[in-house]
Amino acid sequence: MLVLFPFQAELSPGWNSPLIAFEFAQTEADVAFLTGQTESAVQNRAKMDAGHRVDMIFPVAYAGVFALLALQMVISGKRWMWLGVVISILIVPFDYNENWILFGITEVLSQDGSPAALLAKLPTATYLKWGAIAAVSGLLAVAYALDRARWRSFFCGLAALSIIVAYVSGSAPWAAEGASLCFVVLFTLLILHTWRTAFVAMRSK
């Protein structure tokens, strides 16, 4: 998806990533780089739509990772982690709802219309998704802490906290982009750990 979404654009002050700026947009000024019929605006809208079409698969992947990790905790005896499994599943429709609003905004902008009504809905949709991510990350942080898996607990807790900070800050660019980065780091580390665990298990057999 990184090669599909626009890599750079003339964004509002503080933003570096067009994707994160769009996802956390609150005003029409925040989507100015997608507005109008200039060549760059048209290309940016097309790239956003192309990226979000592929992004319809991504929620199943990362929410699936969350669900399986939570289920692993259930199997180990932490039955309260069923809550984590349920919330992980809810991430998928929450993410899809956010994507449909983003598709709607680019469609309205392509017709030179005002996206104000959709922008009013976007923060709720965005934080339903990110709130669910924070909840599962927080539950995993507690579960890993109980298992004394300290570094996994730390990074899950950090990811959950970063999302809370983004919300409390009113989606300040530094906080929103920081939360996104924490999320990427968390999943990279968890997936690498899972691969390593699987490799060791296969070698032992």
N, C-alpha and C. Protein backbone atom coordinates (compact mmCIF):
# COMPACT_ATOMS: atom_id res chain seq x y z
N MET A 1 0.81 -1.21 0.00
CA MET A 1 0.00 0.00 0.00
C MET A 1 0.84 1.26 0.00
N LEU A 2 2.06 1.16 0.52
CA LEU A 2 2.94 2.33 0.58
C LEU A 2 3.25 2.88 -0.81
N VAL A 3 3.26 2.01 -1.81
CA VAL A 3 3.56 2.47 -3.16
C VAL A 3 2.31 2.98 -3.87
N LEU A 4 1.14 2.77 -3.28
CA LEU A 4 -0.11 3.21 -3.88
C LEU A 4 -0.55 4.57 -3.34
N PHE A 5 -0.49 4.74 -2.02
CA PHE A 5 -0.89 6.01 -1.42
C PHE A 5 0.09 7.12 -1.82
N PRO A 6 -0.39 8.37 -1.88
CA PRO A 6 0.55 9.47 -2.17
C PRO A 6 1.63 9.55 -1.12
N PHE A 7 2.87 9.67 -1.55
CA PHE A 7 4.01 9.65 -0.62
C PHE A 7 4.24 11.01 0.00
N GLN A 8 3.99 12.07 -0.77
CA GLN A 8 4.17 13.42 -0.25
C GLN A 8 3.18 14.36 -0.93
N ALA A 9 2.87 15.46 -0.23
CA ALA A 9 1.93 16.45 -0.76
C ALA A 9 2.07 17.72 0.06
N GLU A 10 1.43 18.79 -0.40
CA GLU A 10 1.44 20.04 0.34
C GLU A 10 0.38 19.97 1.43
N LEU A 11 0.84 19.59 2.63
CA LEU A 11 -0.08 19.34 3.74
C LEU A 11 -0.15 20.52 4.69
N SER A 12 -1.16 20.50 5.57
CA SER A 12 -1.26 21.51 6.61
C SER A 12 -0.04 21.40 7.51
N PRO A 13 0.35 22.50 8.17
CA PRO A 13 1.56 22.50 9.03
C PRO A 13 1.54 21.37 10.06
N GLY A 14 2.67 20.69 10.17
CA GLY A 14 2.83 19.63 11.16
C GLY A 14 2.67 18.23 10.62
N TRP A 15 1.99 18.10 9.49
CA TRP A 15 1.77 16.77 8.92
C TRP A 15 2.90 16.39 7.97
N ASN A 16 3.27 15.11 8.00
CA ASN A 16 4.29 14.58 7.09
C ASN A 16 3.72 13.52 6.15
N SER A 17 2.75 12.75 6.64
CA SER A 17 2.18 11.67 5.85
C SER A 17 0.81 12.06 5.30
N PRO A 18 0.64 12.08 3.97
CA PRO A 18 -0.67 12.39 3.40
C PRO A 18 -1.76 11.44 3.88
N LEU A 19 -1.44 10.17 4.03
CA LEU A 19 -2.43 9.18 4.47
C LEU A 19 -2.93 9.48 5.87
N ILE A 20 -2.01 9.72 6.81
CA ILE A 20 -2.40 9.99 8.20
C ILE A 20 -3.11 11.34 8.29
N ALA A 21 -2.64 12.32 7.51
CA ALA A 21 -3.30 13.62 7.50
C ALA A 21 -4.75 13.50 7.03
N PHE A 22 -4.98 12.64 6.04
CA PHE A 22 -6.33 12.44 5.52
C PHE A 22 -7.19 11.70 6.54
N GLU A 23 -6.64 10.66 7.13
CA GLU A 23 -7.39 9.84 8.07
C GLU A 23 -7.82 10.63 9.31
N PHE A 24 -6.98 11.57 9.73
CA PHE A 24 -7.29 12.37 10.93
C PHE A 24 -7.79 13.77 10.57
N ALA A 25 -8.19 13.98 9.33
CA ALA A 25 -8.66 15.30 8.89
C ALA A 25 -9.91 15.72 9.66
N GLN A 26 -9.99 17.02 9.95
CA GLN A 26 -11.15 17.56 10.66
C GLN A 26 -11.81 18.73 9.92
N THR A 27 -11.02 19.43 9.13
CA THR A 27 -11.55 20.59 8.41
C THR A 27 -11.23 20.47 6.93
N GLU A 28 -11.84 21.33 6.14
CA GLU A 28 -11.58 21.32 4.70
C GLU A 28 -10.15 21.74 4.39
N ALA A 29 -9.55 22.53 5.28
CA ALA A 29 -8.15 22.91 5.09
C ALA A 29 -7.24 21.69 5.19
N ASP A 30 -7.64 20.69 6.00
CA ASP A 30 -6.83 19.48 6.16
C ASP A 30 -6.80 18.63 4.91
N VAL A 31 -7.81 18.79 4.05
CA VAL A 31 -7.85 18.00 2.81
C VAL A 31 -7.62 18.88 1.58
N ALA A 32 -7.00 20.02 1.80
CA ALA A 32 -6.74 20.94 0.68
C ALA A 32 -5.89 20.29 -0.40
N PHE A 33 -4.99 19.37 0.00
CA PHE A 33 -4.12 18.72 -0.99
C PHE A 33 -4.89 17.75 -1.89
N LEU A 34 -6.15 17.49 -1.54
CA LEU A 34 -7.00 16.62 -2.35
C LEU A 34 -8.09 17.42 -3.07
N THR A 35 -8.10 18.71 -2.86
CA THR A 35 -9.19 19.55 -3.35
C THR A 35 -8.83 20.24 -4.67
N GLY A 36 -9.81 20.30 -5.56
CA GLY A 36 -9.62 21.01 -6.82
C GLY A 36 -9.37 20.07 -7.98
N GLN A 37 -9.14 20.67 -9.14
CA GLN A 37 -8.94 19.89 -10.36
C GLN A 37 -7.52 20.06 -10.92
N THR A 38 -6.59 20.48 -10.06
CA THR A 38 -5.20 20.54 -10.49
C THR A 38 -4.68 19.13 -10.70
N GLU A 39 -3.62 19.01 -11.43
CA GLU A 39 -3.05 17.68 -11.72
C GLU A 39 -2.66 16.97 -10.44
N SER A 40 -2.04 17.70 -9.49
CA SER A 40 -1.59 17.07 -8.25
C SER A 40 -2.78 16.61 -7.41
N ALA A 41 -3.85 17.41 -7.34
CA ALA A 41 -5.02 17.04 -6.55
C ALA A 41 -5.71 15.82 -7.14
N VAL A 42 -5.85 15.79 -8.45
CA VAL A 42 -6.47 14.65 -9.13
C VAL A 42 -5.66 13.38 -8.89
N GLN A 43 -4.35 13.49 -9.01
CA GLN A 43 -3.47 12.33 -8.79
C GLN A 43 -3.53 11.87 -7.33
N ASN A 44 -3.55 12.83 -6.41
CA ASN A 44 -3.61 12.47 -4.99
C ASN A 44 -4.91 11.73 -4.65
N ARG A 45 -6.02 12.19 -5.22
CA ARG A 45 -7.29 11.50 -4.98
C ARG A 45 -7.26 10.09 -5.56
N ALA A 46 -6.74 9.97 -6.76
CA ALA A 46 -6.67 8.65 -7.40
C ALA A 46 -5.78 7.69 -6.60
N LYS A 47 -4.67 8.21 -6.09
CA LYS A 47 -3.77 7.37 -5.29
C LYS A 47 -4.41 6.98 -3.96
N MET A 48 -5.12 7.92 -3.35
CA MET A 48 -5.81 7.60 -2.10
C MET A 48 -6.83 6.49 -2.31
N ASP A 49 -7.61 6.61 -3.36
CA ASP A 49 -8.63 5.60 -3.64
C ASP A 49 -7.99 4.25 -3.94
N ALA A 50 -6.89 4.26 -4.70
CA ALA A 50 -6.21 3.00 -5.03
C ALA A 50 -5.68 2.34 -3.77
N GLY A 51 -5.08 3.13 -2.89
CA GLY A 51 -4.57 2.59 -1.64
C GLY A 51 -5.66 2.05 -0.75
N HIS A 52 -6.78 2.78 -0.66
CA HIS A 52 -7.86 2.33 0.21
C HIS A 52 -8.60 1.12 -0.35
N ARG A 53 -8.57 0.93 -1.66
CA ARG A 53 -9.15 -0.30 -2.21
C ARG A 53 -8.37 -1.52 -1.72
N VAL A 54 -7.05 -1.41 -1.70
CA VAL A 54 -6.23 -2.51 -1.17
C VAL A 54 -6.39 -2.59 0.35
N ASP A 55 -6.60 -1.44 0.97
CA ASP A 55 -6.74 -1.38 2.43
C ASP A 55 -8.00 -2.11 2.91
N MET A 56 -8.89 -2.48 2.02
CA MET A 56 -10.05 -3.26 2.43
C MET A 56 -9.64 -4.68 2.84
N ILE A 57 -8.44 -5.10 2.46
CA ILE A 57 -7.91 -6.42 2.86
C ILE A 57 -7.13 -6.30 4.16
N PHE A 58 -6.43 -5.19 4.33
CA PHE A 58 -5.52 -5.00 5.46
C PHE A 58 -6.19 -5.17 6.83
N PRO A 59 -7.41 -4.65 7.07
CA PRO A 59 -8.01 -4.82 8.40
C PRO A 59 -8.17 -6.28 8.81
N VAL A 60 -8.50 -7.12 7.84
CA VAL A 60 -8.64 -8.55 8.15
C VAL A 60 -7.31 -9.12 8.62
N ALA A 61 -6.22 -8.63 8.00
CA ALA A 61 -4.89 -9.13 8.34
C ALA A 61 -4.47 -8.69 9.75
N TYR A 62 -4.50 -7.38 10.02
CA TYR A 62 -3.98 -6.95 11.33
C TYR A 62 -4.95 -7.26 12.47
N ALA A 63 -6.27 -7.18 12.20
CA ALA A 63 -7.23 -7.57 13.23
C ALA A 63 -7.15 -9.07 13.48
N GLY A 64 -6.84 -9.83 12.42
CA GLY A 64 -6.66 -11.27 12.58
C GLY A 64 -5.47 -11.60 13.47
N VAL A 65 -4.39 -10.84 13.31
CA VAL A 65 -3.22 -11.03 14.19
C VAL A 65 -3.62 -10.77 15.64
N PHE A 66 -4.32 -9.66 15.87
CA PHE A 66 -4.79 -9.34 17.22
C PHE A 66 -5.66 -10.46 17.78
N ALA A 67 -6.61 -10.93 16.97
CA ALA A 67 -7.54 -11.96 17.43
C ALA A 67 -6.82 -13.25 17.80
N LEU A 68 -5.84 -13.63 16.97
CA LEU A 68 -5.10 -14.87 17.25
C LEU A 68 -4.22 -14.74 18.49
N LEU A 69 -3.62 -13.56 18.67
CA LEU A 69 -2.82 -13.34 19.88
C LEU A 69 -3.70 -13.38 21.12
N ALA A 70 -4.89 -12.76 21.03
CA ALA A 70 -5.81 -12.78 22.16
C ALA A 70 -6.30 -14.21 22.43
N LEU A 71 -6.58 -14.96 21.35
CA LEU A 71 -7.03 -16.35 21.50
C LEU A 71 -5.94 -17.20 22.14
N GLN A 72 -4.70 -16.92 21.79
CA GLN A 72 -3.57 -17.63 22.41
C GLN A 72 -3.59 -17.43 23.92
N MET A 73 -3.92 -16.22 24.35
CA MET A 73 -4.00 -15.94 25.78
C MET A 73 -5.18 -16.67 26.43
N VAL A 74 -6.29 -16.78 25.70
CA VAL A 74 -7.44 -17.53 26.21
C VAL A 74 -7.06 -18.99 26.44
N ILE A 75 -6.37 -19.57 25.46
CA ILE A 75 -5.95 -20.97 25.55
C ILE A 75 -4.99 -21.19 26.71
N SER A 76 -4.19 -20.15 27.01
CA SER A 76 -3.23 -20.28 28.12
C SER A 76 -3.90 -20.12 29.48
N GLY A 77 -5.20 -19.87 29.50
CA GLY A 77 -5.93 -19.80 30.77
C GLY A 77 -6.52 -18.45 31.10
N LYS A 78 -6.25 -17.44 30.31
CA LYS A 78 -6.78 -16.09 30.59
C LYS A 78 -8.10 -15.91 29.84
N ARG A 79 -9.15 -16.46 30.41
CA ARG A 79 -10.44 -16.46 29.73
C ARG A 79 -11.01 -15.06 29.52
N TRP A 80 -10.57 -14.12 30.33
CA TRP A 80 -11.02 -12.74 30.15
C TRP A 80 -10.54 -12.14 28.84
N MET A 81 -9.56 -12.80 28.20
CA MET A 81 -9.08 -12.29 26.91
C MET A 81 -10.03 -12.59 25.77
N TRP A 82 -11.15 -13.29 26.06
CA TRP A 82 -12.19 -13.40 25.05
C TRP A 82 -12.66 -12.00 24.64
N LEU A 83 -12.59 -11.06 25.59
CA LEU A 83 -12.94 -9.68 25.29
C LEU A 83 -12.03 -9.13 24.19
N GLY A 84 -10.75 -9.49 24.26
CA GLY A 84 -9.81 -9.06 23.23
C GLY A 84 -10.13 -9.66 21.87
N VAL A 85 -10.59 -10.91 21.86
CA VAL A 85 -10.97 -11.56 20.60
C VAL A 85 -12.15 -10.83 19.96
N VAL A 86 -13.16 -10.53 20.79
CA VAL A 86 -14.37 -9.86 20.28
C VAL A 86 -14.03 -8.47 19.74
N ILE A 87 -13.25 -7.70 20.51
CA ILE A 87 -12.89 -6.35 20.06
C ILE A 87 -12.06 -6.40 18.78
N SER A 88 -11.18 -7.41 18.67
CA SER A 88 -10.37 -7.56 17.46
C SER A 88 -11.26 -7.75 16.24
N ILE A 89 -12.30 -8.54 16.39
CA ILE A 89 -13.22 -8.78 15.27
C ILE A 89 -13.95 -7.49 14.90
N LEU A 90 -14.29 -6.67 15.91
CA LEU A 90 -15.00 -5.42 15.66
C LEU A 90 -14.15 -4.40 14.91
N ILE A 91 -12.83 -4.55 14.99
CA ILE A 91 -11.95 -3.62 14.28
C ILE A 91 -12.24 -3.62 12.79
N VAL A 92 -12.57 -4.78 12.24
CA VAL A 92 -12.77 -4.90 10.78
C VAL A 92 -13.91 -4.01 10.30
N PRO A 93 -15.15 -4.13 10.85
CA PRO A 93 -16.20 -3.23 10.37
C PRO A 93 -15.93 -1.77 10.69
N PHE A 94 -15.25 -1.51 11.81
CA PHE A 94 -14.90 -0.12 12.14
C PHE A 94 -13.96 0.46 11.08
N ASP A 95 -12.97 -0.32 10.67
CA ASP A 95 -12.03 0.13 9.65
C ASP A 95 -12.73 0.32 8.30
N TYR A 96 -13.62 -0.61 7.95
CA TYR A 96 -14.36 -0.49 6.70
C TYR A 96 -15.22 0.77 6.69
N ASN A 97 -15.86 1.07 7.81
CA ASN A 97 -16.69 2.27 7.91
C ASN A 97 -15.85 3.52 7.68
N GLU A 98 -14.66 3.56 8.27
CA GLU A 98 -13.76 4.69 8.06
C GLU A 98 -13.37 4.80 6.59
N ASN A 99 -13.05 3.67 5.97
CA ASN A 99 -12.65 3.69 4.56
C ASN A 99 -13.77 4.21 3.66
N TRP A 100 -15.01 3.81 3.93
CA TRP A 100 -16.12 4.26 3.09
C TRP A 100 -16.32 5.76 3.20
N ILE A 101 -16.08 6.31 4.40
CA ILE A 101 -16.17 7.76 4.55
C ILE A 101 -15.05 8.45 3.77
N LEU A 102 -13.85 7.89 3.81
CA LEU A 102 -12.73 8.45 3.05
C LEU A 102 -12.99 8.38 1.55
N PHE A 103 -13.57 7.25 1.10
CA PHE A 103 -13.96 7.16 -0.32
C PHE A 103 -14.99 8.24 -0.65
N GLY A 104 -15.92 8.47 0.27
CA GLY A 104 -16.95 9.46 0.04
C GLY A 104 -16.38 10.87 -0.08
N ILE A 105 -15.37 11.15 0.74
CA ILE A 105 -14.76 12.48 0.70
C ILE A 105 -14.06 12.72 -0.64
N THR A 106 -13.29 11.75 -1.11
CA THR A 106 -12.61 11.93 -2.40
C THR A 106 -13.60 12.05 -3.54
N GLU A 107 -14.73 11.33 -3.45
CA GLU A 107 -15.75 11.42 -4.51
C GLU A 107 -16.38 12.81 -4.53
N VAL A 108 -16.70 13.34 -3.36
CA VAL A 108 -17.29 14.68 -3.28
C VAL A 108 -16.30 15.72 -3.81
N LEU A 109 -15.03 15.57 -3.42
CA LEU A 109 -14.01 16.53 -3.87
C LEU A 109 -13.80 16.45 -5.38
N SER A 110 -13.94 15.28 -5.95
CA SER A 110 -13.77 15.14 -7.40
C SER A 110 -14.86 15.87 -8.16
N GLN A 111 -15.99 16.12 -7.47
CA GLN A 111 -17.11 16.82 -8.09
C GLN A 111 -17.16 18.28 -7.64
N ASP A 112 -16.06 18.73 -7.01
CA ASP A 112 -15.95 20.10 -6.51
C ASP A 112 -17.01 20.44 -5.47
N GLY A 113 -17.46 19.42 -4.73
CA GLY A 113 -18.43 19.64 -3.67
C GLY A 113 -17.76 19.87 -2.33
N SER A 114 -18.56 20.13 -1.30
CA SER A 114 -18.03 20.35 0.04
C SER A 114 -18.08 19.05 0.84
N PRO A 115 -16.96 18.64 1.43
CA PRO A 115 -16.93 17.40 2.21
C PRO A 115 -17.26 17.62 3.68
N ALA A 116 -17.80 18.80 4.03
CA ALA A 116 -18.00 19.16 5.44
C ALA A 116 -18.80 18.11 6.20
N ALA A 117 -19.89 17.62 5.61
CA ALA A 117 -20.74 16.65 6.30
C ALA A 117 -19.98 15.35 6.59
N LEU A 118 -19.19 14.89 5.63
CA LEU A 118 -18.42 13.67 5.82
C LEU A 118 -17.27 13.89 6.78
N LEU A 119 -16.65 15.06 6.72
CA LEU A 119 -15.56 15.38 7.66
C LEU A 119 -16.06 15.40 9.09
N ALA A 120 -17.32 15.77 9.28
CA ALA A 120 -17.90 15.78 10.63
C ALA A 120 -18.04 14.35 11.18
N LYS A 121 -18.22 13.39 10.29
CA LYS A 121 -18.37 11.99 10.70
C LYS A 121 -17.02 11.27 10.86
N LEU A 122 -16.00 11.78 10.17
CA LEU A 122 -14.72 11.07 10.10
C LEU A 122 -14.05 10.86 11.46
N PRO A 123 -13.96 11.86 12.34
CA PRO A 123 -13.28 11.62 13.62
C PRO A 123 -13.89 10.48 14.43
N THR A 124 -15.22 10.39 14.43
CA THR A 124 -15.87 9.30 15.17
C THR A 124 -15.49 7.95 14.56
N ALA A 125 -15.55 7.87 13.24
CA ALA A 125 -15.19 6.62 12.57
C ALA A 125 -13.73 6.26 12.81
N THR A 126 -12.86 7.27 12.74
CA THR A 126 -11.43 7.02 12.93
C THR A 126 -11.14 6.52 14.33
N TYR A 127 -11.75 7.15 15.32
CA TYR A 127 -11.44 6.77 16.70
C TYR A 127 -12.20 5.54 17.18
N LEU A 128 -13.27 5.15 16.48
CA LEU A 128 -13.84 3.84 16.76
C LEU A 128 -12.83 2.76 16.42
N LYS A 129 -12.21 2.92 15.25
CA LYS A 129 -11.19 1.95 14.83
C LYS A 129 -9.97 2.00 15.75
N TRP A 130 -9.41 3.21 15.91
CA TRP A 130 -8.20 3.33 16.74
C TRP A 130 -8.48 3.03 18.20
N GLY A 131 -9.69 3.33 18.66
CA GLY A 131 -10.05 3.01 20.04
C GLY A 131 -10.07 1.50 20.27
N ALA A 132 -10.60 0.77 19.28
CA ALA A 132 -10.61 -0.69 19.38
C ALA A 132 -9.19 -1.24 19.37
N ILE A 133 -8.34 -0.65 18.53
CA ILE A 133 -6.93 -1.06 18.49
C ILE A 133 -6.27 -0.81 19.83
N ALA A 134 -6.54 0.36 20.43
CA ALA A 134 -5.97 0.70 21.73
C ALA A 134 -6.45 -0.27 22.80
N ALA A 135 -7.74 -0.63 22.75
CA ALA A 135 -8.30 -1.54 23.75
C ALA A 135 -7.63 -2.91 23.70
N VAL A 136 -7.49 -3.45 22.48
CA VAL A 136 -6.86 -4.78 22.34
C VAL A 136 -5.38 -4.70 22.75
N SER A 137 -4.70 -3.63 22.33
CA SER A 137 -3.30 -3.47 22.70
C SER A 137 -3.14 -3.40 24.21
N GLY A 138 -4.06 -2.67 24.87
CA GLY A 138 -4.00 -2.57 26.32
C GLY A 138 -4.24 -3.90 27.00
N LEU A 139 -5.22 -4.66 26.52
CA LEU A 139 -5.49 -5.99 27.09
C LEU A 139 -4.30 -6.92 26.90
N LEU A 140 -3.68 -6.87 25.71
CA LEU A 140 -2.49 -7.69 25.47
C LEU A 140 -1.34 -7.26 26.37
N ALA A 141 -1.21 -5.95 26.62
CA ALA A 141 -0.15 -5.46 27.50
C ALA A 141 -0.29 -6.07 28.89
N VAL A 142 -1.53 -6.12 29.40
CA VAL A 142 -1.77 -6.72 30.73
C VAL A 142 -1.47 -8.21 30.70
N ALA A 143 -1.95 -8.90 29.66
CA ALA A 143 -1.74 -10.34 29.56
C ALA A 143 -0.26 -10.68 29.48
N TYR A 144 0.49 -9.93 28.67
CA TYR A 144 1.93 -10.17 28.55
C TYR A 144 2.65 -9.84 29.85
N ALA A 145 2.19 -8.82 30.55
CA ALA A 145 2.81 -8.47 31.84
C ALA A 145 2.63 -9.61 32.83
N LEU A 146 1.45 -10.22 32.83
CA LEU A 146 1.20 -11.35 33.72
C LEU A 146 2.09 -12.55 33.38
N ASP A 147 2.43 -12.67 32.10
CA ASP A 147 3.31 -13.75 31.65
C ASP A 147 4.78 -13.36 31.73
N ARG A 148 5.04 -12.15 32.22
CA ARG A 148 6.40 -11.60 32.35
C ARG A 148 7.11 -11.49 30.99
N ALA A 149 6.32 -11.29 29.95
CA ALA A 149 6.88 -11.01 28.63
C ALA A 149 7.01 -9.49 28.55
N ARG A 150 8.05 -8.97 29.15
CA ARG A 150 8.14 -7.53 29.44
C ARG A 150 8.18 -6.66 28.19
N TRP A 151 8.99 -7.03 27.19
CA TRP A 151 9.11 -6.13 26.04
C TRP A 151 7.83 -6.11 25.22
N ARG A 152 7.14 -7.26 25.13
CA ARG A 152 5.86 -7.27 24.41
C ARG A 152 4.81 -6.46 25.17
N SER A 153 4.82 -6.60 26.48
CA SER A 153 3.91 -5.81 27.30
C SER A 153 4.18 -4.32 27.13
N PHE A 154 5.46 -3.95 27.11
CA PHE A 154 5.82 -2.54 26.99
C PHE A 154 5.34 -1.95 25.67
N PHE A 155 5.61 -2.63 24.55
CA PHE A 155 5.24 -2.09 23.25
C PHE A 155 3.73 -2.09 23.02
N CYS A 156 3.03 -3.09 23.55
CA CYS A 156 1.56 -3.08 23.46
C CYS A 156 0.99 -1.92 24.27
N GLY A 157 1.54 -1.73 25.47
CA GLY A 157 1.09 -0.61 26.30
C GLY A 157 1.41 0.73 25.68
N LEU A 158 2.59 0.85 25.07
CA LEU A 158 2.99 2.09 24.42
C LEU A 158 2.07 2.43 23.26
N ALA A 159 1.72 1.41 22.45
CA ALA A 159 0.82 1.62 21.32
C ALA A 159 -0.55 2.10 21.80
N ALA A 160 -1.07 1.44 22.86
CA ALA A 160 -2.36 1.83 23.41
C ALA A 160 -2.32 3.27 23.92
N LEU A 161 -1.25 3.60 24.65
CA LEU A 161 -1.11 4.95 25.20
C LEU A 161 -1.00 6.00 24.10
N SER A 162 -0.28 5.67 23.03
CA SER A 162 -0.09 6.65 21.94
C SER A 162 -1.42 7.02 21.29
N ILE A 163 -2.32 6.06 21.19
CA ILE A 163 -3.63 6.32 20.60
C ILE A 163 -4.47 7.20 21.53
N ILE A 164 -4.36 6.94 22.82
CA ILE A 164 -5.06 7.79 23.79
C ILE A 164 -4.54 9.22 23.73
N VAL A 165 -3.22 9.37 23.62
CA VAL A 165 -2.61 10.70 23.52
C VAL A 165 -3.10 11.42 22.26
N ALA A 166 -3.20 10.68 21.14
CA ALA A 166 -3.68 11.29 19.90
C ALA A 166 -5.09 11.81 20.07
N TYR A 167 -5.93 11.05 20.76
CA TYR A 167 -7.31 11.46 20.98
C TYR A 167 -7.38 12.69 21.89
N VAL A 168 -6.65 12.63 23.00
CA VAL A 168 -6.68 13.73 23.97
C VAL A 168 -6.12 15.01 23.36
N SER A 169 -5.14 14.87 22.46
CA SER A 169 -4.52 16.04 21.83
C SER A 169 -5.39 16.67 20.76
N GLY A 170 -6.54 16.05 20.47
CA GLY A 170 -7.39 16.56 19.40
C GLY A 170 -6.84 16.24 18.03
N SER A 171 -6.17 15.09 17.92
CA SER A 171 -5.56 14.64 16.66
C SER A 171 -4.47 15.59 16.19
N ALA A 172 -3.66 16.05 17.13
CA ALA A 172 -2.51 16.88 16.77
C ALA A 172 -1.61 16.06 15.84
N PRO A 173 -1.04 16.69 14.81
CA PRO A 173 -0.22 15.94 13.85
C PRO A 173 0.86 15.07 14.49
N TRP A 174 1.61 15.63 15.45
CA TRP A 174 2.69 14.86 16.07
C TRP A 174 2.16 13.64 16.80
N ALA A 175 0.98 13.77 17.41
CA ALA A 175 0.41 12.66 18.17
C ALA A 175 -0.18 11.60 17.24
N ALA A 176 -0.89 12.04 16.20
CA ALA A 176 -1.51 11.10 15.27
C ALA A 176 -0.44 10.31 14.50
N GLU A 177 0.58 11.02 14.04
CA GLU A 177 1.63 10.33 13.30
C GLU A 177 2.46 9.45 14.23
N GLY A 178 2.63 9.89 15.48
CA GLY A 178 3.34 9.07 16.46
C GLY A 178 2.59 7.78 16.76
N ALA A 179 1.26 7.86 16.89
CA ALA A 179 0.46 6.67 17.14
C ALA A 179 0.56 5.69 15.98
N SER A 180 0.53 6.22 14.76
CA SER A 180 0.66 5.37 13.58
C SER A 180 2.01 4.65 13.57
N LEU A 181 3.07 5.38 13.92
CA LEU A 181 4.41 4.78 13.95
C LEU A 181 4.49 3.70 15.02
N CYS A 182 3.92 3.96 16.20
CA CYS A 182 3.92 2.96 17.28
C CYS A 182 3.20 1.69 16.84
N PHE A 183 2.12 1.87 16.10
CA PHE A 183 1.34 0.73 15.60
C PHE A 183 2.18 -0.11 14.64
N VAL A 184 2.90 0.55 13.73
CA VAL A 184 3.75 -0.16 12.77
C VAL A 184 4.85 -0.93 13.48
N VAL A 185 5.51 -0.27 14.44
CA VAL A 185 6.59 -0.91 15.20
C VAL A 185 6.06 -2.10 15.98
N LEU A 186 4.89 -1.93 16.63
CA LEU A 186 4.31 -3.01 17.42
C LEU A 186 4.06 -4.25 16.57
N PHE A 187 3.40 -4.07 15.43
CA PHE A 187 3.08 -5.23 14.61
C PHE A 187 4.32 -5.87 13.99
N THR A 188 5.29 -5.07 13.64
CA THR A 188 6.54 -5.63 13.12
C THR A 188 7.19 -6.52 14.16
N LEU A 189 7.28 -6.04 15.39
CA LEU A 189 7.91 -6.81 16.46
C LEU A 189 7.11 -8.07 16.80
N LEU A 190 5.78 -7.94 16.87
CA LEU A 190 4.96 -9.11 17.20
C LEU A 190 5.03 -10.18 16.12
N ILE A 191 5.03 -9.75 14.86
CA ILE A 191 5.10 -10.72 13.77
C ILE A 191 6.47 -11.40 13.73
N LEU A 192 7.55 -10.62 13.94
CA LEU A 192 8.89 -11.21 13.98
C LEU A 192 9.01 -12.20 15.13
N HIS A 193 8.44 -11.85 16.28
CA HIS A 193 8.48 -12.76 17.43
C HIS A 193 7.71 -14.05 17.13
N THR A 194 6.55 -13.91 16.45
CA THR A 194 5.74 -15.08 16.12
C THR A 194 6.49 -16.00 15.15
N TRP A 195 7.13 -15.39 14.15
CA TRP A 195 7.92 -16.20 13.21
C TRP A 195 9.05 -16.93 13.94
N ARG A 196 9.72 -16.22 14.83
CA ARG A 196 10.83 -16.83 15.58
C ARG A 196 10.32 -17.99 16.44
N THR A 197 9.19 -17.79 17.09
CA THR A 197 8.61 -18.84 17.94
C THR A 197 8.25 -20.06 17.11
N ALA A 198 7.63 -19.82 15.95
CA ALA A 198 7.25 -20.92 15.07
C ALA A 198 8.47 -21.68 14.56
N PHE A 199 9.54 -20.92 14.22
CA PHE A 199 10.77 -21.54 13.71
C PHE A 199 11.40 -22.43 14.78
N VAL A 200 11.46 -21.91 16.02
CA VAL A 200 12.04 -22.69 17.11
C VAL A 200 11.21 -23.95 17.38
N ALA A 201 9.89 -23.80 17.30
CA ALA A 201 9.02 -24.96 17.54
C ALA A 201 9.22 -26.04 16.47
N MET A 202 9.36 -25.62 15.22
CA MET A 202 9.59 -26.58 14.14
C MET A 202 10.96 -27.27 14.28
N ARG A 203 11.96 -26.49 14.68
CA ARG A 203 13.30 -27.07 14.85
C ARG A 203 13.30 -28.10 15.99
N SER A 204 12.53 -27.82 17.04
CA SER A 204 12.50 -28.72 18.19
C SER A 204 11.82 -30.05 17.85
N LYS A 205 10.97 -30.04 16.81
CA LYS A 205 10.31 -31.27 16.38
C LYS A 205 11.16 -32.06 15.40
